[in-house]
Every structure is written in structure tokens, then in C-alpha cells.
Amino acid sequence: MPRVRRGFKARQRRNKVLKMAKGYVGGRRKLYRTAVDSVQRALVFAYRDRKVKKREFRKLWIVRINAAVREHGLSYSRFIDGLNKSKVALDRKVLSELAISDPAGFAKVVELAKQAA
């Protein structure tokens, strides 16, 4: 069987990993084996945290909405229930932004929810 020299493709693969390891400290940046471990771990965290980010933002929006709704004498759950009953199709991100940037407009939405509940 002929000898296989893996020069180009192997170097390409190694350089790809080392490029991803830029900014790491010490051997994690320079040594291929440790760089592979570090990059692999970083990719796992990146994948996981893309999901976690969505969770965190939803929690933040809910906290903001709850704080704004309580000023109008309503709880978060009653507010969301009222919105669903009155067929208002605003998501939590928009409601949160509305509560911060336009309190008067948010008060109107709260009144709609109160009437339905």
C-alpha cells in the first residue's frame, strides 16, 4: 500500500483549531492537544449558553412586566391571563419594552387586561 502524506489537510485542520483558540492563555493557544481540549469545551459551553440566554432574557422580561403591572394593582399571572382572554397578541419582550419606554401605552394595555379578567 502506498504511503499517505497528510500534510495539507492535517495542517489545515490543526490551523483551524489553533485559530479558534486565539485569545487563550499559554499552551491552550499554542499547543495543539491542549488547544483541541479547550476549543471543544468552549464550543460545548457556547451551544449550551445559546439556549440559556433565551431563558435568562425571558426571566428578565417577566420580572420587568411584573414590576410594571404591580404599580397598576395587578399581578403578573392575572395580567397575562387578561391579555389572553382579550386576544392581545403581544409577546413578553414587547410588553417589557413597552413598560420601560412608554408607561402610558402600557397602562392602556393593563386596562384591557383588567377588563377581560
Protein backbone atom coordinates (compact mmCIF):
# COMPACT_ATOMS: atom_id res chain seq x y z
CA MET A 1 0.00 0.00 0.00
CA PRO A 2 1.37 3.44 -0.84
CA ARG A 3 2.39 5.86 1.86
CA VAL A 4 -0.05 8.67 2.62
CA ARG A 5 1.31 12.07 3.49
CA ARG A 6 -1.30 14.09 5.30
CA GLY A 7 0.49 17.43 5.07
CA PHE A 8 -2.04 19.86 3.68
CA LYS A 9 -5.31 18.59 5.14
CA ALA A 10 -3.86 17.83 8.56
CA ARG A 11 -2.21 21.25 8.74
CA GLN A 12 -5.48 22.85 7.67
CA ARG A 13 -7.35 21.04 10.44
CA ARG A 14 -4.74 21.97 13.06
CA ASN A 15 -4.65 25.60 11.97
CA LYS A 16 -8.44 25.78 12.17
CA VAL A 17 -8.34 24.65 15.82
CA LEU A 18 -5.44 26.96 16.67
CA LYS A 19 -7.24 29.88 15.04
CA MET A 20 -10.30 29.17 17.21
CA ALA A 21 -8.00 29.12 20.26
CA LYS A 22 -6.79 32.69 19.69
CA GLY A 23 -7.01 34.72 22.85
CA TYR A 24 -6.50 31.74 25.13
CA VAL A 25 -3.59 31.90 27.60
CA GLY A 26 -0.38 29.87 27.44
CA GLY A 27 -0.35 26.38 25.96
CA ARG A 28 -4.08 26.47 25.36
CA ARG A 29 -3.31 28.83 22.49
CA LYS A 30 -0.04 27.36 21.18
CA LEU A 31 -0.12 23.60 21.76
CA TYR A 32 -2.43 21.62 19.52
CA ARG A 33 -3.54 18.96 22.01
CA THR A 34 -4.45 21.37 24.77
CA ALA A 35 -5.99 23.75 22.24
CA VAL A 36 -8.27 20.96 20.97
CA ASP A 37 -9.49 20.28 24.51
CA SER A 38 -10.06 23.96 25.25
CA VAL A 39 -11.82 24.67 21.97
CA GLN A 40 -14.04 21.61 22.31
CA ARG A 41 -15.04 22.66 25.82
CA ALA A 42 -15.68 26.23 24.67
CA LEU A 43 -17.91 25.02 21.83
CA VAL A 44 -19.96 22.92 24.28
CA PHE A 45 -20.45 25.94 26.53
CA ALA A 46 -21.33 28.14 23.56
CA TYR A 47 -24.01 25.71 22.39
CA ARG A 48 -25.45 25.35 25.89
CA ASP A 49 -25.39 29.06 26.62
CA ARG A 50 -27.22 29.99 23.44
CA LYS A 51 -30.16 28.14 25.00
CA VAL A 52 -29.55 29.61 28.46
CA LYS A 53 -29.50 33.14 27.03
CA LYS A 54 -33.08 32.73 25.82
CA ARG A 55 -34.12 31.55 29.29
CA GLU A 56 -32.36 34.44 31.02
CA PHE A 57 -33.94 37.07 28.79
CA ARG A 58 -37.43 35.61 29.26
CA LYS A 59 -36.90 35.74 33.04
CA LEU A 60 -35.79 39.36 32.80
CA TRP A 61 -38.82 40.34 30.72
CA ILE A 62 -41.17 38.65 33.18
CA VAL A 63 -39.59 40.45 36.15
CA ARG A 64 -39.91 43.80 34.36
CA ILE A 65 -43.53 43.19 33.39
CA ASN A 66 -44.39 42.03 36.90
CA ALA A 67 -42.89 45.18 38.43
CA ALA A 68 -44.74 47.44 35.99
CA VAL A 69 -48.06 45.62 36.39
CA ARG A 70 -47.96 45.71 40.20
CA GLU A 71 -47.89 49.52 40.02
CA HIS A 72 -51.35 49.22 38.47
CA GLY A 73 -52.61 46.87 41.19
CA LEU A 74 -52.46 43.62 39.22
CA SER A 75 -50.31 40.51 39.46
CA TYR A 76 -48.29 39.17 36.54
CA SER A 77 -50.35 35.99 36.18
CA ARG A 78 -53.68 37.88 36.22
CA PHE A 79 -52.25 40.32 33.67
CA ILE A 80 -51.16 37.57 31.24
CA ASP A 81 -54.48 35.77 31.74
CA GLY A 82 -56.34 39.00 30.96
CA LEU A 83 -54.27 39.56 27.83
CA ASN A 84 -55.01 36.05 26.62
CA LYS A 85 -58.74 36.47 27.25
CA SER A 86 -58.83 39.83 25.46
CA LYS A 87 -56.93 38.33 22.49
CA VAL A 88 -53.98 40.75 22.77
CA ALA A 89 -51.07 39.16 20.90
CA LEU A 90 -48.04 40.89 22.39
CA ASP A 91 -45.08 38.82 23.49
CA ARG A 92 -43.18 39.36 26.71
CA LYS A 93 -40.27 41.10 25.00
CA VAL A 94 -42.54 43.76 23.54
CA LEU A 95 -44.51 44.13 26.78
CA SER A 96 -41.28 44.62 28.72
CA GLU A 97 -40.03 47.25 26.29
CA LEU A 98 -43.42 48.97 26.37
CA ALA A 99 -43.39 49.04 30.18
CA ILE A 100 -40.00 50.76 30.18
CA SER A 101 -40.22 53.14 27.23
CA ASP A 102 -43.95 54.01 27.12
CA PRO A 103 -45.64 53.76 30.54
CA ALA A 104 -48.81 55.49 29.27
CA GLY A 105 -49.23 52.96 26.45
CA PHE A 106 -48.53 50.13 28.88
CA ALA A 107 -51.24 51.47 31.20
CA LYS A 108 -53.75 51.12 28.35
CA VAL A 109 -52.71 47.50 27.82
CA VAL A 110 -53.11 46.88 31.56
CA GLU A 111 -56.63 48.34 31.43
CA LEU A 112 -57.50 45.95 28.58
CA ALA A 113 -56.25 43.04 30.68
CA LYS A 114 -58.21 44.23 33.74
CA GLN A 115 -61.45 44.42 31.77
CA ALA A 116 -61.04 40.87 30.44
CA ALA A 117 -60.12 39.41 33.83
